mmCIF file of all heavy atoms, coordinates in Angstrom:
data_MODEL
# 
_entry.id   MODEL 
# 
loop_
_atom_site.group_PDB 
_atom_site.id 
_atom_site.type_symbol 
_atom_site.label_atom_id 
_atom_site.label_alt_id 
_atom_site.label_comp_id 
_atom_site.label_asym_id 
_atom_site.label_entity_id 
_atom_site.label_seq_id 
_atom_site.pdbx_PDB_ins_code 
_atom_site.Cartn_x 
_atom_site.Cartn_y 
_atom_site.Cartn_z 
_atom_site.occupancy 
_atom_site.B_iso_or_equiv 
_atom_site.pdbx_formal_charge 
_atom_site.auth_seq_id 
_atom_site.auth_comp_id 
_atom_site.auth_asym_id 
_atom_site.auth_atom_id 
_atom_site.pdbx_PDB_model_num 
ATOM 1   N N   . SER A 1 1  ? 0.761   -1.181  -0.013 1.00 0.00 ? 1  SER A N   1 
ATOM 2   C CA  . SER A 1 1  ? -0.015  -0.005  0.017  1.00 0.00 ? 1  SER A CA  1 
ATOM 3   C C   . SER A 1 1  ? 0.832   1.199   -0.016 1.00 0.00 ? 1  SER A C   1 
ATOM 4   O O   . SER A 1 1  ? 1.920   1.207   0.666  1.00 0.00 ? 1  SER A O   1 
ATOM 5   C CB  . SER A 1 1  ? -0.946  0.056   1.238  1.00 0.00 ? 1  SER A CB  1 
ATOM 6   O OG  . SER A 1 1  ? -1.687  1.227   1.293  1.00 0.00 ? 1  SER A OG  1 
ATOM 7   N N   . VAL A 1 2  ? 0.449   2.243   -0.798 1.00 0.00 ? 2  VAL A N   1 
ATOM 8   C CA  . VAL A 1 2  ? 1.106   3.627   -0.634 1.00 0.00 ? 2  VAL A CA  1 
ATOM 9   C C   . VAL A 1 2  ? 0.036   4.579   -0.709 1.00 0.00 ? 2  VAL A C   1 
ATOM 10  O O   . VAL A 1 2  ? -1.031  4.590   -1.400 1.00 0.00 ? 2  VAL A O   1 
ATOM 11  C CB  . VAL A 1 2  ? 2.135   3.713   -1.869 1.00 0.00 ? 2  VAL A CB  1 
ATOM 12  C CG1 . VAL A 1 2  ? 1.324   3.648   -3.184 1.00 0.00 ? 2  VAL A CG1 1 
ATOM 13  C CG2 . VAL A 1 2  ? 2.729   5.136   -1.727 1.00 0.00 ? 2  VAL A CG2 1 
ATOM 14  N N   . MET A 1 3  ? 0.199   5.597   0.170  1.00 0.00 ? 3  MET A N   1 
ATOM 15  C CA  . MET A 1 3  ? -0.760  6.672   0.440  1.00 0.00 ? 3  MET A CA  1 
ATOM 16  C C   . MET A 1 3  ? -0.062  8.020   0.446  1.00 0.00 ? 3  MET A C   1 
ATOM 17  O O   . MET A 1 3  ? 0.962   8.034   0.888  1.00 0.00 ? 3  MET A O   1 
ATOM 18  C CB  . MET A 1 3  ? -1.622  6.533   1.640  1.00 0.00 ? 3  MET A CB  1 
ATOM 19  C CG  . MET A 1 3  ? -2.591  5.256   1.444  1.00 0.00 ? 3  MET A CG  1 
ATOM 20  S SD  . MET A 1 3  ? -4.036  5.461   0.461  1.00 0.00 ? 3  MET A SD  1 
ATOM 21  C CE  . MET A 1 3  ? -4.803  4.067   0.540  1.00 0.00 ? 3  MET A CE  1 
ATOM 22  N N   . GLU A 1 4  ? -0.811  9.096   0.108  1.00 0.00 ? 4  GLU A N   1 
ATOM 23  C CA  . GLU A 1 4  ? -0.288  10.498  0.182  1.00 0.00 ? 4  GLU A CA  1 
ATOM 24  C C   . GLU A 1 4  ? -1.198  11.339  0.926  1.00 0.00 ? 4  GLU A C   1 
ATOM 25  O O   . GLU A 1 4  ? -2.437  11.150  1.057  1.00 0.00 ? 4  GLU A O   1 
ATOM 26  C CB  . GLU A 1 4  ? -0.088  10.999  -1.139 1.00 0.00 ? 4  GLU A CB  1 
ATOM 27  C CG  . GLU A 1 4  ? 0.980   10.469  -1.978 1.00 0.00 ? 4  GLU A CG  1 
ATOM 28  C CD  . GLU A 1 4  ? 1.242   11.239  -3.335 1.00 0.00 ? 4  GLU A CD  1 
ATOM 29  O OE1 . GLU A 1 4  ? 0.401   10.950  -4.205 1.00 0.00 ? 4  GLU A OE1 1 
ATOM 30  O OE2 . GLU A 1 4  ? 2.281   11.975  -3.451 1.00 0.00 ? 4  GLU A OE2 1 
ATOM 31  N N   . ASP A 1 5  ? -0.679  12.310  1.624  1.00 0.00 ? 5  ASP A N   1 
ATOM 32  C CA  . ASP A 1 5  ? -1.435  13.186  2.381  1.00 0.00 ? 5  ASP A CA  1 
ATOM 33  C C   . ASP A 1 5  ? -0.608  14.454  2.704  1.00 0.00 ? 5  ASP A C   1 
ATOM 34  O O   . ASP A 1 5  ? 0.648   14.318  2.827  1.00 0.00 ? 5  ASP A O   1 
ATOM 35  C CB  . ASP A 1 5  ? -2.073  12.519  3.692  1.00 0.00 ? 5  ASP A CB  1 
ATOM 36  C CG  . ASP A 1 5  ? -3.166  13.313  4.383  1.00 0.00 ? 5  ASP A CG  1 
ATOM 37  O OD1 . ASP A 1 5  ? -2.812  14.394  5.096  1.00 0.00 ? 5  ASP A OD1 1 
ATOM 38  O OD2 . ASP A 1 5  ? -4.326  13.112  4.005  1.00 0.00 ? 5  ASP A OD2 1 
ATOM 39  N N   . VAL A 1 6  ? -1.194  15.600  3.112  1.00 0.00 ? 6  VAL A N   1 
ATOM 40  C CA  . VAL A 1 6  ? -0.479  16.716  3.450  1.00 0.00 ? 6  VAL A CA  1 
ATOM 41  C C   . VAL A 1 6  ? 0.152   16.563  4.738  1.00 0.00 ? 6  VAL A C   1 
ATOM 42  O O   . VAL A 1 6  ? 1.151   17.153  5.093  1.00 0.00 ? 6  VAL A O   1 
ATOM 43  C CB  . VAL A 1 6  ? -1.320  18.013  3.441  1.00 0.00 ? 6  VAL A CB  1 
ATOM 44  C CG1 . VAL A 1 6  ? -2.490  17.854  4.621  1.00 0.00 ? 6  VAL A CG1 1 
ATOM 45  C CG2 . VAL A 1 6  ? -0.581  19.238  3.621  1.00 0.00 ? 6  VAL A CG2 1 
ATOM 46  N N   . GLY A 1 7  ? -0.338  15.575  5.590  1.00 0.00 ? 7  GLY A N   1 
ATOM 47  C CA  . GLY A 1 7  ? 0.332   15.350  6.896  1.00 0.00 ? 7  GLY A CA  1 
ATOM 48  C C   . GLY A 1 7  ? 0.924   13.974  6.916  1.00 0.00 ? 7  GLY A C   1 
ATOM 49  O O   . GLY A 1 7  ? 0.421   13.003  6.453  1.00 0.00 ? 7  GLY A O   1 
ATOM 50  N N   . ARG A 1 8  ? 2.082   13.814  7.404  1.00 0.00 ? 8  ARG A N   1 
ATOM 51  C CA  . ARG A 1 8  ? 2.854   12.640  7.550  1.00 0.00 ? 8  ARG A CA  1 
ATOM 52  C C   . ARG A 1 8  ? 2.008   11.567  8.370  1.00 0.00 ? 8  ARG A C   1 
ATOM 53  O O   . ARG A 1 8  ? 1.927   10.409  7.893  1.00 0.00 ? 8  ARG A O   1 
ATOM 54  C CB  . ARG A 1 8  ? 4.163   12.796  8.236  1.00 0.00 ? 8  ARG A CB  1 
ATOM 55  C CG  . ARG A 1 8  ? 5.142   13.660  7.346  1.00 0.00 ? 8  ARG A CG  1 
ATOM 56  C CD  . ARG A 1 8  ? 6.435   14.058  8.207  1.00 0.00 ? 8  ARG A CD  1 
ATOM 57  N NE  . ARG A 1 8  ? 6.185   14.971  9.303  1.00 0.00 ? 8  ARG A NE  1 
ATOM 58  C CZ  . ARG A 1 8  ? 6.238   14.635  10.567 1.00 0.00 ? 8  ARG A CZ  1 
ATOM 59  N NH1 . ARG A 1 8  ? 6.643   13.305  10.832 1.00 0.00 ? 8  ARG A NH1 1 
ATOM 60  N NH2 . ARG A 1 8  ? 6.010   15.422  11.451 1.00 0.00 ? 8  ARG A NH2 1 
ATOM 61  N N   . HIS A 1 9  ? 1.553   12.068  9.513  1.00 0.00 ? 9  HIS A N   1 
ATOM 62  C CA  . HIS A 1 9  ? 0.625   11.114  10.351 1.00 0.00 ? 9  HIS A CA  1 
ATOM 63  C C   . HIS A 1 9  ? -0.508  10.534  9.514  1.00 0.00 ? 9  HIS A C   1 
ATOM 64  O O   . HIS A 1 9  ? -0.893  9.361   9.658  1.00 0.00 ? 9  HIS A O   1 
ATOM 65  C CB  . HIS A 1 9  ? 0.209   11.735  11.623 1.00 0.00 ? 9  HIS A CB  1 
ATOM 66  C CG  . HIS A 1 9  ? 1.388   12.368  12.329 1.00 0.00 ? 9  HIS A CG  1 
ATOM 67  N ND1 . HIS A 1 9  ? 1.669   13.878  12.140 1.00 0.00 ? 9  HIS A ND1 1 
ATOM 68  C CD2 . HIS A 1 9  ? 2.430   11.941  13.197 1.00 0.00 ? 9  HIS A CD2 1 
ATOM 69  C CE1 . HIS A 1 9  ? 2.687   14.098  12.987 1.00 0.00 ? 9  HIS A CE1 1 
ATOM 70  N NE2 . HIS A 1 9  ? 3.161   13.082  13.512 1.00 0.00 ? 9  HIS A NE2 1 
ATOM 71  N N   . ASN A 1 10 ? -1.170  11.465  8.841  1.00 0.00 ? 10 ASN A N   1 
ATOM 72  C CA  . ASN A 1 10 ? -2.329  11.035  8.122  1.00 0.00 ? 10 ASN A CA  1 
ATOM 73  C C   . ASN A 1 10 ? -2.013  9.982   6.995  1.00 0.00 ? 10 ASN A C   1 
ATOM 74  O O   . ASN A 1 10 ? -2.761  8.997   6.844  1.00 0.00 ? 10 ASN A O   1 
ATOM 75  C CB  . ASN A 1 10 ? -2.917  12.314  7.348  1.00 0.00 ? 10 ASN A CB  1 
ATOM 76  C CG  . ASN A 1 10 ? -3.582  13.274  8.384  1.00 0.00 ? 10 ASN A CG  1 
ATOM 77  O OD1 . ASN A 1 10 ? -3.707  12.903  9.442  1.00 0.00 ? 10 ASN A OD1 1 
ATOM 78  N ND2 . ASN A 1 10 ? -3.843  14.521  7.863  1.00 0.00 ? 10 ASN A ND2 1 
ATOM 79  N N   . ALA A 1 11 ? -0.826  10.135  6.302  1.00 0.00 ? 11 ALA A N   1 
ATOM 80  C CA  . ALA A 1 11 ? -0.488  9.203   5.334  1.00 0.00 ? 11 ALA A CA  1 
ATOM 81  C C   . ALA A 1 11 ? -0.177  7.891   5.914  1.00 0.00 ? 11 ALA A C   1 
ATOM 82  O O   . ALA A 1 11 ? -0.622  6.825   5.356  1.00 0.00 ? 11 ALA A O   1 
ATOM 83  C CB  . ALA A 1 11 ? 0.855   9.738   4.619  1.00 0.00 ? 11 ALA A CB  1 
ATOM 84  N N   . VAL A 1 12 ? 0.354   7.820   7.047  1.00 0.00 ? 12 VAL A N   1 
ATOM 85  C CA  . VAL A 1 12 ? 0.627   6.566   7.831  1.00 0.00 ? 12 VAL A CA  1 
ATOM 86  C C   . VAL A 1 12 ? -0.730  5.933   8.236  1.00 0.00 ? 12 VAL A C   1 
ATOM 87  O O   . VAL A 1 12 ? -0.927  4.785   8.041  1.00 0.00 ? 12 VAL A O   1 
ATOM 88  C CB  . VAL A 1 12 ? 1.538   6.722   9.023  1.00 0.00 ? 12 VAL A CB  1 
ATOM 89  C CG1 . VAL A 1 12 ? 1.548   5.448   9.894  1.00 0.00 ? 12 VAL A CG1 1 
ATOM 90  C CG2 . VAL A 1 12 ? 2.986   7.131   8.663  1.00 0.00 ? 12 VAL A CG2 1 
ATOM 91  N N   . ASP A 1 13 ? -1.609  6.628   8.696  1.00 0.00 ? 13 ASP A N   1 
ATOM 92  C CA  . ASP A 1 13 ? -2.916  6.135   9.102  1.00 0.00 ? 13 ASP A CA  1 
ATOM 93  C C   . ASP A 1 13 ? -3.708  5.637   7.905  1.00 0.00 ? 13 ASP A C   1 
ATOM 94  O O   . ASP A 1 13 ? -4.414  4.600   7.941  1.00 0.00 ? 13 ASP A O   1 
ATOM 95  C CB  . ASP A 1 13 ? -3.784  7.341   9.755  1.00 0.00 ? 13 ASP A CB  1 
ATOM 96  C CG  . ASP A 1 13 ? -3.321  7.489   11.143 1.00 0.00 ? 13 ASP A CG  1 
ATOM 97  O OD1 . ASP A 1 13 ? -2.712  6.730   11.721 1.00 0.00 ? 13 ASP A OD1 1 
ATOM 98  O OD2 . ASP A 1 13 ? -3.547  8.681   11.715 1.00 0.00 ? 13 ASP A OD2 1 
ATOM 99  N N   . LYS A 1 14 ? -3.594  6.238   6.770  1.00 0.00 ? 14 LYS A N   1 
ATOM 100 C CA  . LYS A 1 14 ? -4.211  5.748   5.585  1.00 0.00 ? 14 LYS A CA  1 
ATOM 101 C C   . LYS A 1 14 ? -3.757  4.436   5.122  1.00 0.00 ? 14 LYS A C   1 
ATOM 102 O O   . LYS A 1 14 ? -4.501  3.602   4.775  1.00 0.00 ? 14 LYS A O   1 
ATOM 103 C CB  . LYS A 1 14 ? -4.261  6.876   4.420  1.00 0.00 ? 14 LYS A CB  1 
ATOM 104 C CG  . LYS A 1 14 ? -5.030  8.117   4.650  1.00 0.00 ? 14 LYS A CG  1 
ATOM 105 C CD  . LYS A 1 14 ? -4.748  8.984   3.480  1.00 0.00 ? 14 LYS A CD  1 
ATOM 106 C CE  . LYS A 1 14 ? -5.720  10.256  3.524  1.00 0.00 ? 14 LYS A CE  1 
ATOM 107 N NZ  . LYS A 1 14 ? -5.391  11.207  2.360  1.00 0.00 ? 14 LYS A NZ  1 
ATOM 108 N N   . VAL A 1 15 ? -2.471  4.243   5.235  1.00 0.00 ? 15 VAL A N   1 
ATOM 109 C CA  . VAL A 1 15 ? -1.759  2.970   4.891  1.00 0.00 ? 15 VAL A CA  1 
ATOM 110 C C   . VAL A 1 15 ? -2.345  1.904   5.716  1.00 0.00 ? 15 VAL A C   1 
ATOM 111 O O   . VAL A 1 15 ? -2.658  0.866   5.273  1.00 0.00 ? 15 VAL A O   1 
ATOM 112 C CB  . VAL A 1 15 ? -0.288  3.187   4.840  1.00 0.00 ? 15 VAL A CB  1 
ATOM 113 C CG1 . VAL A 1 15 ? 0.392   1.736   4.812  1.00 0.00 ? 15 VAL A CG1 1 
ATOM 114 C CG2 . VAL A 1 15 ? 0.236   3.927   3.688  1.00 0.00 ? 15 VAL A CG2 1 
ATOM 115 N N   . VAL A 1 16 ? -2.326  2.141   7.035  1.00 0.00 ? 16 VAL A N   1 
ATOM 116 C CA  . VAL A 1 16 ? -2.673  1.168   8.059  1.00 0.00 ? 16 VAL A CA  1 
ATOM 117 C C   . VAL A 1 16 ? -4.218  0.863   7.809  1.00 0.00 ? 16 VAL A C   1 
ATOM 118 O O   . VAL A 1 16 ? -4.556  -0.348  7.754  1.00 0.00 ? 16 VAL A O   1 
ATOM 119 C CB  . VAL A 1 16 ? -2.498  1.695   9.485  1.00 0.00 ? 16 VAL A CB  1 
ATOM 120 C CG1 . VAL A 1 16 ? -3.105  0.689   10.440 1.00 0.00 ? 16 VAL A CG1 1 
ATOM 121 C CG2 . VAL A 1 16 ? -1.020  1.875   9.799  1.00 0.00 ? 16 VAL A CG2 1 
ATOM 122 N N   . GLY A 1 17 ? -5.077  1.787   7.515  1.00 0.00 ? 17 GLY A N   1 
ATOM 123 C CA  . GLY A 1 17 ? -6.382  1.574   7.246  1.00 0.00 ? 17 GLY A CA  1 
ATOM 124 C C   . GLY A 1 17 ? -6.712  0.780   5.942  1.00 0.00 ? 17 GLY A C   1 
ATOM 125 O O   . GLY A 1 17 ? -7.425  -0.224  6.007  1.00 0.00 ? 17 GLY A O   1 
ATOM 126 N N   . ASP A 1 18 ? -5.877  1.076   4.890  1.00 0.00 ? 18 ASP A N   1 
ATOM 127 C CA  . ASP A 1 18 ? -5.960  0.341   3.589  1.00 0.00 ? 18 ASP A CA  1 
ATOM 128 C C   . ASP A 1 18 ? -5.512  -1.161  3.896  1.00 0.00 ? 18 ASP A C   1 
ATOM 129 O O   . ASP A 1 18 ? -6.180  -2.023  3.424  1.00 0.00 ? 18 ASP A O   1 
ATOM 130 C CB  . ASP A 1 18 ? -5.060  1.039   2.721  1.00 0.00 ? 18 ASP A CB  1 
ATOM 131 C CG  . ASP A 1 18 ? -5.140  0.388   1.279  1.00 0.00 ? 18 ASP A CG  1 
ATOM 132 O OD1 . ASP A 1 18 ? -6.128  0.122   0.828  1.00 0.00 ? 18 ASP A OD1 1 
ATOM 133 O OD2 . ASP A 1 18 ? -4.118  0.155   0.589  1.00 0.00 ? 18 ASP A OD2 1 
ATOM 134 N N   . LEU A 1 19 ? -4.488  -1.392  4.610  1.00 0.00 ? 19 LEU A N   1 
ATOM 135 C CA  . LEU A 1 19 ? -4.109  -2.788  4.997  1.00 0.00 ? 19 LEU A CA  1 
ATOM 136 C C   . LEU A 1 19 ? -5.194  -3.539  5.711  1.00 0.00 ? 19 LEU A C   1 
ATOM 137 O O   . LEU A 1 19 ? -5.348  -4.717  5.470  1.00 0.00 ? 19 LEU A O   1 
ATOM 138 C CB  . LEU A 1 19 ? -2.804  -2.760  5.713  1.00 0.00 ? 19 LEU A CB  1 
ATOM 139 C CG  . LEU A 1 19 ? -1.623  -2.160  4.941  1.00 0.00 ? 19 LEU A CG  1 
ATOM 140 C CD1 . LEU A 1 19 ? -0.314  -2.219  5.876  1.00 0.00 ? 19 LEU A CD1 1 
ATOM 141 C CD2 . LEU A 1 19 ? -1.186  -2.961  3.676  1.00 0.00 ? 19 LEU A CD2 1 
ATOM 142 N N   . LEU A 1 20 ? -5.694  -2.809  6.683  1.00 0.00 ? 20 LEU A N   1 
ATOM 143 C CA  . LEU A 1 20 ? -6.800  -3.495  7.490  1.00 0.00 ? 20 LEU A CA  1 
ATOM 144 C C   . LEU A 1 20 ? -7.933  -3.771  6.513  1.00 0.00 ? 20 LEU A C   1 
ATOM 145 O O   . LEU A 1 20 ? -8.571  -5.024  6.672  1.00 0.00 ? 20 LEU A O   1 
ATOM 146 C CB  . LEU A 1 20 ? -7.354  -2.587  8.543  1.00 0.00 ? 20 LEU A CB  1 
ATOM 147 C CG  . LEU A 1 20 ? -6.298  -2.351  9.755  1.00 0.00 ? 20 LEU A CG  1 
ATOM 148 C CD1 . LEU A 1 20 ? -6.830  -1.201  10.662 1.00 0.00 ? 20 LEU A CD1 1 
ATOM 149 C CD2 . LEU A 1 20 ? -6.201  -3.717  10.556 1.00 0.00 ? 20 LEU A CD2 1 
ATOM 150 N N   . PHE A 1 21 ? -8.435  -3.012  5.672  1.00 0.00 ? 21 PHE A N   1 
ATOM 151 C CA  . PHE A 1 21 ? -9.549  -3.244  4.727  1.00 0.00 ? 21 PHE A CA  1 
ATOM 152 C C   . PHE A 1 21 ? -9.180  -4.527  3.886  1.00 0.00 ? 21 PHE A C   1 
ATOM 153 O O   . PHE A 1 21 ? -10.028 -5.271  3.505  1.00 0.00 ? 21 PHE A O   1 
ATOM 154 C CB  . PHE A 1 21 ? -9.859  -2.063  3.909  1.00 0.00 ? 21 PHE A CB  1 
ATOM 155 C CG  . PHE A 1 21 ? -10.673 -1.086  4.613  1.00 0.00 ? 21 PHE A CG  1 
ATOM 156 C CD1 . PHE A 1 21 ? -10.337 0.276   4.693  1.00 0.00 ? 21 PHE A CD1 1 
ATOM 157 C CD2 . PHE A 1 21 ? -11.990 -1.459  5.116  1.00 0.00 ? 21 PHE A CD2 1 
ATOM 158 C CE1 . PHE A 1 21 ? -11.113 1.191   5.340  1.00 0.00 ? 21 PHE A CE1 1 
ATOM 159 C CE2 . PHE A 1 21 ? -12.697 -0.440  5.769  1.00 0.00 ? 21 PHE A CE2 1 
ATOM 160 C CZ  . PHE A 1 21 ? -12.347 0.805   5.816  1.00 0.00 ? 21 PHE A CZ  1 
ATOM 161 N N   . LYS A 1 22 ? -7.884  -4.605  3.552  1.00 0.00 ? 22 LYS A N   1 
ATOM 162 C CA  . LYS A 1 22 ? -7.475  -5.647  2.564  1.00 0.00 ? 22 LYS A CA  1 
ATOM 163 C C   . LYS A 1 22 ? -6.921  -6.868  3.286  1.00 0.00 ? 22 LYS A C   1 
ATOM 164 O O   . LYS A 1 22 ? -6.387  -7.861  2.770  1.00 0.00 ? 22 LYS A O   1 
ATOM 165 C CB  . LYS A 1 22 ? -6.284  -5.137  1.624  1.00 0.00 ? 22 LYS A CB  1 
ATOM 166 C CG  . LYS A 1 22 ? -6.845  -4.081  0.748  1.00 0.00 ? 22 LYS A CG  1 
ATOM 167 C CD  . LYS A 1 22 ? -5.851  -3.658  -0.351 1.00 0.00 ? 22 LYS A CD  1 
ATOM 168 C CE  . LYS A 1 22 ? -4.544  -3.151  0.195  1.00 0.00 ? 22 LYS A CE  1 
ATOM 169 N NZ  . LYS A 1 22 ? -3.667  -2.567  -0.834 1.00 0.00 ? 22 LYS A NZ  1 
ATOM 170 N N   . ASN A 1 23 ? -7.049  -6.858  4.777  1.00 0.00 ? 23 ASN A N   1 
ATOM 171 C CA  . ASN A 1 23 ? -6.579  -7.988  5.548  1.00 0.00 ? 23 ASN A CA  1 
ATOM 172 C C   . ASN A 1 23 ? -5.178  -8.305  5.264  1.00 0.00 ? 23 ASN A C   1 
ATOM 173 O O   . ASN A 1 23 ? -4.682  -9.487  5.278  1.00 0.00 ? 23 ASN A O   1 
ATOM 174 C CB  . ASN A 1 23 ? -7.536  -9.195  5.293  1.00 0.00 ? 23 ASN A CB  1 
ATOM 175 C CG  . ASN A 1 23 ? -8.884  -9.014  5.798  1.00 0.00 ? 23 ASN A CG  1 
ATOM 176 O OD1 . ASN A 1 23 ? -9.080  -8.344  6.943  1.00 0.00 ? 23 ASN A OD1 1 
ATOM 177 N ND2 . ASN A 1 23 ? -9.827  -9.489  4.991  1.00 0.00 ? 23 ASN A ND2 1 
ATOM 178 N N   . GLN A 1 24 ? -4.272  -7.220  5.205  1.00 0.00 ? 24 GLN A N   1 
ATOM 179 C CA  . GLN A 1 24 ? -2.926  -7.496  4.887  1.00 0.00 ? 24 GLN A CA  1 
ATOM 180 C C   . GLN A 1 24 ? -1.957  -6.940  5.854  1.00 0.00 ? 24 GLN A C   1 
ATOM 181 O O   . GLN A 1 24 ? -0.711  -6.856  5.715  1.00 0.00 ? 24 GLN A O   1 
ATOM 182 C CB  . GLN A 1 24 ? -2.502  -6.803  3.434  1.00 0.00 ? 24 GLN A CB  1 
ATOM 183 C CG  . GLN A 1 24 ? -3.238  -7.529  2.337  1.00 0.00 ? 24 GLN A CG  1 
ATOM 184 C CD  . GLN A 1 24 ? -2.741  -6.969  0.984  1.00 0.00 ? 24 GLN A CD  1 
ATOM 185 O OE1 . GLN A 1 24 ? -2.556  -5.797  0.826  1.00 0.00 ? 24 GLN A OE1 1 
ATOM 186 N NE2 . GLN A 1 24 ? -2.594  -7.770  -0.040 1.00 0.00 ? 24 GLN A NE2 1 
ATOM 187 N N   . LEU A 1 25 ? -2.406  -6.434  6.968  1.00 0.00 ? 25 LEU A N   1 
ATOM 188 C CA  . LEU A 1 25 ? -1.720  -5.675  7.988  1.00 0.00 ? 25 LEU A CA  1 
ATOM 189 C C   . LEU A 1 25 ? -0.603  -6.559  8.555  1.00 0.00 ? 25 LEU A C   1 
ATOM 190 O O   . LEU A 1 25 ? 0.508   -6.092  8.762  1.00 0.00 ? 25 LEU A O   1 
ATOM 191 C CB  . LEU A 1 25 ? -2.579  -5.101  9.100  1.00 0.00 ? 25 LEU A CB  1 
ATOM 192 C CG  . LEU A 1 25 ? -1.794  -4.220  10.207 1.00 0.00 ? 25 LEU A CG  1 
ATOM 193 C CD1 . LEU A 1 25 ? -1.061  -3.060  9.464  1.00 0.00 ? 25 LEU A CD1 1 
ATOM 194 C CD2 . LEU A 1 25 ? -2.773  -3.657  11.258 1.00 0.00 ? 25 LEU A CD2 1 
ATOM 195 N N   . LYS A 1 26 ? -0.917  -7.764  8.819  1.00 0.00 ? 26 LYS A N   1 
ATOM 196 C CA  . LYS A 1 26 ? 0.079   -8.652  9.343  1.00 0.00 ? 26 LYS A CA  1 
ATOM 197 C C   . LYS A 1 26 ? 1.156   -9.161  8.345  1.00 0.00 ? 26 LYS A C   1 
ATOM 198 O O   . LYS A 1 26 ? 2.264   -9.530  8.784  1.00 0.00 ? 26 LYS A O   1 
ATOM 199 C CB  . LYS A 1 26 ? -0.621  -10.012 9.665  1.00 0.00 ? 26 LYS A CB  1 
ATOM 200 C CG  . LYS A 1 26 ? -1.463  -9.859  11.052 1.00 0.00 ? 26 LYS A CG  1 
ATOM 201 C CD  . LYS A 1 26 ? -2.022  -11.190 11.499 1.00 0.00 ? 26 LYS A CD  1 
ATOM 202 C CE  . LYS A 1 26 ? -2.983  -11.055 12.676 1.00 0.00 ? 26 LYS A CE  1 
ATOM 203 N NZ  . LYS A 1 26 ? -3.477  -12.278 13.130 1.00 0.00 ? 26 LYS A NZ  1 
ATOM 204 N N   . GLN A 1 27 ? 0.991   -8.812  6.975  1.00 0.00 ? 27 GLN A N   1 
ATOM 205 C CA  . GLN A 1 27 ? 1.974   -9.107  6.100  1.00 0.00 ? 27 GLN A CA  1 
ATOM 206 C C   . GLN A 1 27 ? 3.095   -7.919  6.090  1.00 0.00 ? 27 GLN A C   1 
ATOM 207 O O   . GLN A 1 27 ? 4.094   -8.157  5.416  1.00 0.00 ? 27 GLN A O   1 
ATOM 208 C CB  . GLN A 1 27 ? 1.350   -9.270  4.661  1.00 0.00 ? 27 GLN A CB  1 
ATOM 209 C CG  . GLN A 1 27 ? 0.442   -10.399 4.573  1.00 0.00 ? 27 GLN A CG  1 
ATOM 210 C CD  . GLN A 1 27 ? -0.295  -10.526 3.222  1.00 0.00 ? 27 GLN A CD  1 
ATOM 211 O OE1 . GLN A 1 27 ? 0.347   -10.091 2.209  1.00 0.00 ? 27 GLN A OE1 1 
ATOM 212 N NE2 . GLN A 1 27 ? -1.455  -11.017 3.089  1.00 0.00 ? 27 GLN A NE2 1 
ATOM 213 N N   . ALA A 1 28 ? 2.734   -6.759  6.583  1.00 0.00 ? 28 ALA A N   1 
ATOM 214 C CA  . ALA A 1 28 ? 3.530   -5.591  6.448  1.00 0.00 ? 28 ALA A CA  1 
ATOM 215 C C   . ALA A 1 28 ? 4.726   -5.722  7.362  1.00 0.00 ? 28 ALA A C   1 
ATOM 216 O O   . ALA A 1 28 ? 4.504   -5.939  8.583  1.00 0.00 ? 28 ALA A O   1 
ATOM 217 C CB  . ALA A 1 28 ? 2.698   -4.255  6.804  1.00 0.00 ? 28 ALA A CB  1 
# 
């Protein structure tokens, strides 16, 4: 997953959320 945002913390949160939706967080 790769995400962009004006805030660094937001970009990280978006990636984590994306991985959760795709059930891939444990693979990261």
